[in-house]
């Protein structure tokens, strides 16, 4: 089994949360909420408020740990967000290049 497959299989061991909602009743009724433990996509044409929608959902559900990555994020920003989310560093913007390289090598060796 590959390292990725082992991580995926182990994912069932993590705490599960009930779906959370954006706070926009028509959207919540159609979408049935965001299901934690899954990768959830918000897709639409450019410049129509996709990140704003995601942030609204996160703000409405502060008890659910959420990592928001935008397709527009630079890879370095993604790593900084992941380090902060994982509790490796208190402020992702203060991570050094060496810390980021070590984080990637340790957590994502493939």
Protein backbone atom coordinates (compact mmCIF):
# COMPACT_ATOMS: atom_id res chain seq x y z
CA UNK A 1 0.00 0.00 0.00
CA UNK A 2 1.35 3.45 -0.86
CA UNK A 3 1.93 6.11 1.79
CA UNK A 4 -1.02 8.08 0.39
CA UNK A 5 -3.31 5.03 0.55
CA UNK A 6 -2.22 4.35 4.14
CA UNK A 7 -3.03 7.95 5.13
CA UNK A 8 -6.39 7.73 3.39
CA UNK A 9 -7.24 4.47 5.15
CA UNK A 10 -6.25 5.97 8.52
CA UNK A 11 -8.52 8.97 7.93
CA UNK A 12 -11.46 7.08 9.41
CA UNK A 13 -9.73 7.34 12.79
CA UNK A 14 -10.20 11.11 12.95
CA UNK A 15 -13.07 12.82 14.69
CA UNK A 16 -16.06 13.43 12.45
CA UNK A 17 -18.24 16.52 12.59
CA UNK A 18 -21.80 17.13 11.50
CA UNK A 19 -22.20 19.09 8.26
CA UNK A 20 -21.95 22.87 8.61
CA UNK A 21 -23.92 25.43 6.73
CA UNK A 22 -23.18 28.75 5.05
CA UNK A 23 -26.07 30.59 6.69
CA UNK A 24 -27.74 31.23 3.32
CA UNK A 25 -30.98 29.20 3.51
CA UNK A 26 -31.53 28.57 -0.25
CA UNK A 27 -27.92 27.42 -0.71
CA UNK A 28 -27.97 25.34 2.48
CA UNK A 29 -31.22 23.65 1.41
CA UNK A 30 -29.80 22.65 -1.98
CA UNK A 31 -26.27 21.78 -0.87
CA UNK A 32 -27.16 19.99 2.39
CA UNK A 33 -24.13 21.60 4.03
CA UNK A 34 -20.38 21.14 3.85
CA UNK A 35 -19.35 17.71 5.02
CA UNK A 36 -16.20 17.78 7.14
CA UNK A 37 -13.74 15.01 6.41
CA UNK A 38 -14.22 15.47 2.68
CA UNK A 39 -12.74 17.86 0.16
CA UNK A 40 -15.49 20.35 -0.63
CA UNK A 41 -15.33 22.50 -3.76
CA UNK A 42 -16.99 25.84 -4.40
CA UNK A 43 -17.00 26.34 -8.16
CA UNK A 44 -18.20 29.34 -10.15
CA UNK A 45 -17.00 31.82 -12.73
CA UNK A 46 -14.26 34.29 -11.70
CA UNK A 47 -14.91 37.19 -9.32
CA UNK A 48 -18.32 36.21 -8.00
CA UNK A 49 -17.43 35.74 -4.32
CA UNK A 50 -16.32 32.12 -3.87
CA UNK A 51 -13.81 32.93 -1.07
CA UNK A 52 -16.34 35.24 0.58
CA UNK A 53 -18.88 32.41 0.61
CA UNK A 54 -16.34 30.02 2.13
CA UNK A 55 -15.30 32.55 4.79
CA UNK A 56 -18.97 33.16 5.66
CA UNK A 57 -19.39 29.43 6.25
CA UNK A 58 -16.26 29.26 8.38
CA UNK A 59 -17.39 32.25 10.45
CA UNK A 60 -20.80 30.67 11.00
CA UNK A 61 -19.16 27.47 12.30
CA UNK A 62 -16.19 28.48 14.48
CA UNK A 63 -16.20 25.17 16.37
CA UNK A 64 -15.24 23.21 13.24
CA UNK A 65 -11.53 23.25 12.36
CA UNK A 66 -11.30 24.32 8.72
CA UNK A 67 -8.39 24.87 6.36
CA UNK A 68 -9.27 27.14 3.42
CA UNK A 69 -7.06 26.89 0.35
CA UNK A 70 -7.93 28.88 -2.74
CA UNK A 71 -6.89 27.81 -6.23
CA UNK A 72 -5.36 31.29 -6.48
CA UNK A 73 -3.03 30.67 -3.51
CA UNK A 74 0.68 30.50 -4.20
CA UNK A 75 2.15 27.11 -3.12
CA UNK A 76 4.19 28.86 -0.41
CA UNK A 77 1.02 30.37 1.05
CA UNK A 78 -0.61 26.93 1.08
CA UNK A 79 2.32 25.50 3.07
CA UNK A 80 2.21 28.41 5.52
CA UNK A 81 -1.53 27.88 6.06
CA UNK A 82 -1.05 24.15 6.57
CA UNK A 83 1.75 24.67 9.10
CA UNK A 84 -0.37 27.06 11.12
CA UNK A 85 -3.44 24.82 10.89
CA UNK A 86 -1.39 21.81 12.07
CA UNK A 87 -0.09 23.82 15.04
CA UNK A 88 3.52 23.55 13.87
CA UNK A 89 3.91 27.33 14.06
CA UNK A 90 1.75 30.01 15.70
CA UNK A 91 2.00 32.44 12.79
CA UNK A 92 2.40 30.93 9.35
CA UNK A 93 3.74 34.20 7.95
CA UNK A 94 6.79 33.89 10.22
CA UNK A 95 7.78 30.44 8.95
CA UNK A 96 11.26 30.37 7.44
CA UNK A 97 12.05 28.67 4.16
CA UNK A 98 13.94 25.98 6.13
CA UNK A 99 10.94 25.33 8.41
CA UNK A 100 8.66 25.03 5.39
CA UNK A 101 11.05 22.63 3.63
CA UNK A 102 11.33 20.49 6.79
CA UNK A 103 7.55 20.46 7.21
CA UNK A 104 7.02 19.25 3.63
CA UNK A 105 9.81 16.64 3.87
CA UNK A 106 8.40 15.27 7.14
CA UNK A 107 4.69 15.27 6.32
CA UNK A 108 4.69 14.72 2.56
CA UNK A 109 7.74 12.58 1.73
CA UNK A 110 6.34 11.39 -1.59
